[in-house]
Amino acid sequence: MSAPRAGQPHRTTGLNDAAPHRHDTVRRRVVRHHRLPAAPQPPARASLASLRTRGHLVLFGPASGAVPPFDPIRLAHGGSLTLIRPSLGDFIADRSELLRRAADVFEWVRSKALGVTVTGRYALSEAAQAHSDLEARRTTGKLLVVPDAAAIGRREETQS
């Protein structure tokens, strides 16, 4: 999670707890919830330590950072944990599967089974600013980049 406020909208989707994407916060929560020694540890190790038995740690792209090598036996010792770093291409075999899965997602959104929060709109001419805001973690929810005429006067600031 990029900022403390980023966890709040996700609570409506069933999230029990969220820690800002900062090493010190993850470490403090792991220590508090699991009564572990307060020694610093890398974010991936702290995240593994925070899982319950049969928990899943899912790392998404560069935002998760580099994961140092570790002994897989730690997954067993932690309570049959799983670790995955998924790539979309491995979950979409062909165009028909892509279309089927996309239709599922749109149906979930339509039926409100899946909530989508749009917190910012940027004109196409502001695409660089949208990118900058994402990189600086000044955003939560989804951002839309729209043709300039449609965005005039509709950009919502997500900055504090």
Protein backbone atom coordinates (compact mmCIF):
# COMPACT_ATOMS: atom_id res chain seq x y z
CA MET A 1 0.00 0.00 0.00
CA SER A 2 1.48 3.34 -1.03
CA ALA A 3 0.15 5.62 1.72
CA PRO A 4 -1.80 5.26 4.99
CA ARG A 5 -4.98 6.61 3.35
CA ALA A 6 -4.67 4.03 0.54
CA GLY A 7 -5.85 1.21 2.80
CA GLN A 8 -9.13 2.84 3.73
CA PRO A 9 -10.97 2.39 0.38
CA HIS A 10 -9.87 -1.26 0.27
CA ARG A 11 -11.57 -2.09 3.57
CA THR A 12 -14.88 -2.17 1.68
CA THR A 13 -13.52 -5.03 -0.46
CA GLY A 14 -12.88 -7.33 2.49
CA LEU A 15 -9.35 -6.34 3.45
CA ASN A 16 -8.76 -7.00 7.15
CA ASP A 17 -5.59 -4.98 7.60
CA ALA A 18 -3.25 -2.92 5.46
CA ALA A 19 0.19 -1.56 6.16
CA PRO A 20 1.72 1.32 4.23
CA HIS A 21 4.41 0.15 1.80
CA ARG A 22 7.26 1.16 4.09
CA HIS A 23 9.73 -1.26 5.66
CA ASP A 24 9.46 0.22 9.17
CA THR A 25 5.66 -0.01 9.28
CA VAL A 26 5.54 -3.60 8.07
CA ARG A 27 8.19 -4.54 10.63
CA ARG A 28 6.30 -2.85 13.49
CA ARG A 29 3.05 -4.62 12.57
CA VAL A 30 4.76 -7.99 12.31
CA VAL A 31 6.39 -7.49 15.70
CA ARG A 32 3.09 -6.36 17.28
CA HIS A 33 0.90 -9.13 15.80
CA HIS A 34 3.36 -11.99 16.18
CA ARG A 35 5.44 -10.93 19.18
CA LEU A 36 8.65 -11.30 17.22
CA PRO A 37 12.02 -9.71 17.98
CA ALA A 38 12.12 -6.15 16.70
CA ALA A 39 15.25 -6.70 14.61
CA PRO A 40 15.05 -5.05 11.19
CA GLN A 41 14.38 -7.35 8.27
CA PRO A 42 13.78 -6.90 4.54
CA PRO A 43 10.16 -6.12 3.53
CA ALA A 44 9.61 -9.52 1.87
CA ARG A 45 10.81 -11.34 4.98
CA ALA A 46 8.63 -9.14 7.20
CA SER A 47 5.67 -9.81 4.91
CA LEU A 48 6.24 -13.57 5.12
CA ALA A 49 6.47 -13.33 8.89
CA SER A 50 3.11 -11.53 9.00
CA LEU A 51 1.22 -14.40 7.32
CA ARG A 52 -1.01 -16.86 9.13
CA THR A 53 -0.82 -20.60 8.51
CA ARG A 54 -1.51 -21.35 4.82
CA GLY A 55 -1.20 -17.64 4.04
CA HIS A 56 -0.29 -16.29 0.62
CA LEU A 57 2.28 -13.61 -0.16
CA VAL A 58 1.70 -12.13 -3.61
CA LEU A 59 4.39 -9.81 -4.96
CA PHE A 60 3.41 -7.59 -7.89
CA GLY A 61 6.15 -6.27 -10.14
CA PRO A 62 8.65 -3.54 -9.29
CA ALA A 63 6.46 -2.10 -6.52
CA SER A 64 7.28 -5.17 -4.42
CA GLY A 65 11.00 -4.52 -4.76
CA ALA A 66 13.77 -7.05 -5.10
CA VAL A 67 13.37 -10.18 -3.02
CA PRO A 68 16.67 -11.52 -1.71
CA PRO A 69 17.27 -15.27 -2.06
CA PHE A 70 15.94 -17.37 0.81
CA ASP A 71 15.55 -21.03 1.69
CA PRO A 72 12.11 -22.32 0.58
CA ILE A 73 11.92 -24.44 3.73
CA ARG A 74 10.96 -21.16 5.46
CA LEU A 75 7.58 -21.46 3.71
CA ALA A 76 6.97 -24.80 5.45
CA HIS A 77 8.28 -23.59 8.80
CA GLY A 78 5.99 -20.55 8.55
CA GLY A 79 2.92 -22.77 8.28
CA SER A 80 2.66 -24.05 4.69
CA LEU A 81 2.92 -20.56 3.21
CA THR A 82 2.87 -19.78 -0.50
CA LEU A 83 4.80 -17.11 -2.36
CA ILE A 84 4.02 -16.03 -5.92
CA ARG A 85 5.11 -13.23 -8.22
CA PRO A 86 2.46 -13.47 -10.94
CA SER A 87 2.67 -12.19 -14.48
CA LEU A 88 -0.53 -11.56 -16.41
CA GLY A 89 0.82 -13.32 -19.48
CA ASP A 90 1.02 -16.60 -17.59
CA PHE A 91 -2.67 -16.43 -16.68
CA ILE A 92 -4.03 -15.64 -20.15
CA ALA A 93 -3.33 -18.47 -22.58
CA ASP A 94 -5.00 -17.03 -25.69
CA ARG A 95 -7.39 -14.35 -26.97
CA SER A 96 -10.53 -16.32 -26.10
CA GLU A 97 -9.40 -16.64 -22.49
CA LEU A 98 -8.58 -12.92 -22.38
CA LEU A 99 -12.06 -12.05 -23.67
CA ARG A 100 -13.74 -14.44 -21.22
CA ARG A 101 -11.82 -13.13 -18.24
CA ALA A 102 -12.39 -9.50 -19.28
CA ALA A 103 -16.12 -10.19 -19.61
CA ASP A 104 -16.09 -11.67 -16.09
CA VAL A 105 -14.41 -8.57 -14.67
CA PHE A 106 -16.84 -6.21 -16.40
CA GLU A 107 -19.76 -8.28 -15.12
CA TRP A 108 -18.40 -8.09 -11.56
CA VAL A 109 -18.12 -4.31 -11.89
CA ARG A 110 -21.61 -4.04 -13.40
CA SER A 111 -23.14 -6.14 -10.61
CA LYS A 112 -21.13 -4.24 -7.98
CA ALA A 113 -19.48 -7.47 -6.83
CA LEU A 114 -16.21 -5.67 -7.60
CA GLY A 115 -15.87 -2.04 -6.57
CA VAL A 116 -13.88 0.38 -8.70
CA THR A 117 -12.89 3.69 -7.18
CA VAL A 118 -11.78 6.37 -9.63
CA THR A 119 -9.96 9.04 -7.65
CA GLY A 120 -8.44 11.07 -10.44
CA ARG A 121 -8.99 12.13 -14.02
CA TYR A 122 -6.24 13.62 -16.13
CA ALA A 123 -6.46 15.16 -19.56
CA LEU A 124 -4.30 13.38 -22.13
CA SER A 125 -2.10 16.48 -22.15
CA GLU A 126 -1.52 15.85 -18.39
CA ALA A 127 -0.40 12.23 -18.83
CA ALA A 128 3.10 13.10 -17.61
CA GLN A 129 1.61 14.56 -14.41
CA ALA A 130 -0.50 11.42 -13.90
CA HIS A 131 2.64 9.32 -14.26
CA SER A 132 4.52 11.57 -11.85
CA ASP A 133 1.69 11.34 -9.28
CA LEU A 134 1.72 7.54 -9.55
CA GLU A 135 5.51 7.39 -9.13
CA ALA A 136 5.38 9.71 -6.11
CA ARG A 137 2.54 7.65 -4.59
CA ARG A 138 0.25 10.67 -4.33
CA THR A 139 -2.71 8.66 -5.59
CA THR A 140 -5.17 6.04 -4.43
CA GLY A 141 -7.75 4.17 -6.46
CA LYS A 142 -7.82 4.29 -10.24
CA LEU A 143 -6.68 7.16 -12.43
CA LEU A 144 -8.18 7.85 -15.83
CA VAL A 145 -6.37 9.59 -18.65
CA VAL A 146 -9.01 10.92 -21.03
CA PRO A 147 -9.05 12.99 -24.22
CA ASP A 148 -8.53 16.66 -23.31
CA ALA A 149 -12.06 17.87 -24.14
CA ALA A 150 -13.65 15.31 -21.80
CA ALA A 151 -11.32 16.11 -18.90
CA ILE A 152 -11.60 19.89 -18.77
CA GLY A 153 -12.65 20.85 -15.26
CA ARG A 154 -12.99 17.22 -14.14
CA ARG A 155 -9.53 16.46 -12.75
CA GLU A 156 -9.82 15.47 -9.13
CA GLU A 157 -6.78 16.13 -7.01
CA THR A 158 -5.67 13.19 -4.91
CA GLN A 159 -2.80 15.01 -3.28
CA SER A 160 -2.86 15.93 0.38
